[in-house]
Amino acid sequence: MKRSKYQIISQILDICVGGACKTKIVYQANLNFRTINPYIDLLTKNGLIKANMGRNVSYETTNRGMKLMEDFRQMNNKLTEL
């Protein structure tokens, strides 16, 4: 079953809670390096994740991203009750 864009975004936000490099996001979200870039750009541009520059770039979910992730969970829980 194909995942929606919102399910993928929610999963990426969850993976990035403790900080994650692009490789970790790709493997845990079951995506590929070509498809992850637009998601990272979208989430970064909207302030949902931030890039921590260092030797390797890691991405971390912001407070705004945490709020959105919680909203996704609540909505998903309500939909499964139907």
C-alpha atoms as a PDB file:
ATOM      1  CA  MET A   1       0.000   0.000   0.000  1.00  0.00           C
ATOM      2  CA  LYS A   2       1.397   3.363  -1.028  1.00  0.00           C
ATOM      3  CA  ARG A   3       2.023   5.855   1.780  1.00  0.00           C
ATOM      4  CA  SER A   4       0.718   9.372   1.603  1.00  0.00           C
ATOM      5  CA  LYS A   5       2.973  12.405   1.598  1.00  0.00           C
ATOM      6  CA  TYR A   6       1.731  13.201   5.107  1.00  0.00           C
ATOM      7  CA  GLN A   7       2.604   9.756   6.436  1.00  0.00           C
ATOM      8  CA  ILE A   8       6.128  10.102   5.055  1.00  0.00           C
ATOM      9  CA  ILE A   9       6.500  13.582   6.562  1.00  0.00           C
ATOM     10  CA  SER A  10       5.297  12.311   9.946  1.00  0.00           C
ATOM     11  CA  GLN A  11       7.749   9.438   9.802  1.00  0.00           C
ATOM     12  CA  ILE A  12      10.672  11.738   8.910  1.00  0.00           C
ATOM     13  CA  LEU A  13       9.778  14.070  11.783  1.00  0.00           C
ATOM     14  CA  ASP A  14       9.739  11.094  14.148  1.00  0.00           C
ATOM     15  CA  ILE A  15      13.111   9.816  12.921  1.00  0.00           C
ATOM     16  CA  CYS A  16      14.692  13.258  13.375  1.00  0.00           C
ATOM     17  CA  VAL A  17      13.565  13.737  16.999  1.00  0.00           C
ATOM     18  CA  GLY A  18      16.982  12.846  18.433  1.00  0.00           C
ATOM     19  CA  GLY A  19      18.877  14.029  15.373  1.00  0.00           C
ATOM     20  CA  ALA A  20      19.535  11.962  12.275  1.00  0.00           C
ATOM     21  CA  CYS A  21      21.787  12.055   9.241  1.00  0.00           C
ATOM     22  CA  LYS A  22      20.324  11.727   5.775  1.00  0.00           C
ATOM     23  CA  THR A  23      21.372   8.078   5.524  1.00  0.00           C
ATOM     24  CA  LYS A  24      19.502   7.173   8.720  1.00  0.00           C
ATOM     25  CA  ILE A  25      16.386   8.957   7.456  1.00  0.00           C
ATOM     26  CA  VAL A  26      16.562   7.169   4.086  1.00  0.00           C
ATOM     27  CA  TYR A  27      16.881   3.710   5.619  1.00  0.00           C
ATOM     28  CA  GLN A  28      14.396   4.098   8.464  1.00  0.00           C
ATOM     29  CA  ALA A  29      11.761   5.824   6.313  1.00  0.00           C
ATOM     30  CA  ASN A  30      12.313   3.283   3.510  1.00  0.00           C
ATOM     31  CA  LEU A  31      12.990   5.964   0.900  1.00  0.00           C
ATOM     32  CA  ASN A  32      15.856   6.563  -1.482  1.00  0.00           C
ATOM     33  CA  PHE A  33      18.319   9.434  -1.745  1.00  0.00           C
ATOM     34  CA  ARG A  34      16.536  10.932  -4.733  1.00  0.00           C
ATOM     35  CA  THR A  35      13.150  11.131  -3.007  1.00  0.00           C
ATOM     36  CA  ILE A  36      14.391  12.311   0.405  1.00  0.00           C
ATOM     37  CA  ASN A  37      15.799  15.646  -0.806  1.00  0.00           C
ATOM     38  CA  PRO A  38      12.436  17.310  -1.619  1.00  0.00           C
ATOM     39  CA  TYR A  39      11.075  16.250   1.783  1.00  0.00           C
ATOM     40  CA  ILE A  40      14.117  17.603   3.634  1.00  0.00           C
ATOM     41  CA  ASP A  41      13.890  20.861   1.673  1.00  0.00           C
ATOM     42  CA  LEU A  42      10.162  21.199   2.436  1.00  0.00           C
ATOM     43  CA  LEU A  43      10.543  20.437   6.139  1.00  0.00           C
ATOM     44  CA  THR A  44      13.552  22.738   6.532  1.00  0.00           C
ATOM     45  CA  LYS A  45      11.936  25.606   4.627  1.00  0.00           C
ATOM     46  CA  ASN A  46       8.833  25.387   6.854  1.00  0.00           C
ATOM     47  CA  GLY A  47      10.814  25.253  10.091  1.00  0.00           C
ATOM     48  CA  LEU A  48       9.812  21.695  10.982  1.00  0.00           C
ATOM     49  CA  ILE A  49      13.386  20.360  11.041  1.00  0.00           C
ATOM     50  CA  LYS A  50      16.690  22.162  11.304  1.00  0.00           C
ATOM     51  CA  ALA A  51      20.034  21.225   9.849  1.00  0.00           C
ATOM     52  CA  ASN A  52      22.914  21.031  12.313  1.00  0.00           C
ATOM     53  CA  MET A  53      26.103  21.671  10.390  1.00  0.00           C
ATOM     54  CA  GLY A  54      29.211  19.911  11.561  1.00  0.00           C
ATOM     55  CA  ARG A  55      31.482  17.275  10.154  1.00  0.00           C
ATOM     56  CA  ASN A  56      28.299  15.581   8.942  1.00  0.00           C
ATOM     57  CA  VAL A  57      24.964  17.331   8.553  1.00  0.00           C
ATOM     58  CA  SER A  58      22.295  16.048  10.898  1.00  0.00           C
ATOM     59  CA  TYR A  59      18.642  17.007  10.967  1.00  0.00           C
ATOM     60  CA  GLU A  60      16.649  17.579  14.131  1.00  0.00           C
ATOM     61  CA  THR A  61      12.917  18.041  14.616  1.00  0.00           C
ATOM     62  CA  THR A  62      12.048  21.529  15.900  1.00  0.00           C
ATOM     63  CA  ASN A  63       9.331  22.372  18.434  1.00  0.00           C
ATOM     64  CA  ARG A  64       7.055  23.289  15.540  1.00  0.00           C
ATOM     65  CA  GLY A  65       7.775  19.900  13.956  1.00  0.00           C
ATOM     66  CA  MET A  66       7.020  18.135  17.249  1.00  0.00           C
ATOM     67  CA  LYS A  67       3.643  19.898  17.412  1.00  0.00           C
ATOM     68  CA  LEU A  68       2.803  18.866  13.838  1.00  0.00           C
ATOM     69  CA  MET A  69       3.870  15.289  14.533  1.00  0.00           C
ATOM     70  CA  GLU A  70       1.572  15.169  17.580  1.00  0.00           C
ATOM     71  CA  ASP A  71      -1.286  16.598  15.493  1.00  0.00           C
ATOM     72  CA  PHE A  72      -0.698  13.842  12.886  1.00  0.00           C
ATOM     73  CA  ARG A  73      -0.859  11.190  15.620  1.00  0.00           C
ATOM     74  CA  GLN A  74      -4.084  12.566  17.072  1.00  0.00           C
ATOM     75  CA  MET A  75      -5.708  12.760  13.649  1.00  0.00           C
ATOM     76  CA  ASN A  76      -4.594   9.229  12.794  1.00  0.00           C
ATOM     77  CA  ASN A  77      -5.976   7.923  16.101  1.00  0.00           C
ATOM     78  CA  LYS A  78      -9.340   9.559  15.426  1.00  0.00           C
ATOM     79  CA  LEU A  79      -9.485   8.116  11.914  1.00  0.00           C
ATOM     80  CA  THR A  80      -8.774   4.594  13.150  1.00  0.00           C
ATOM     81  CA  GLU A  81     -11.675   4.882  15.604  1.00  0.00           C
ATOM     82  CA  LEU A  82     -14.133   5.304  12.718  1.00  0.00           C
END
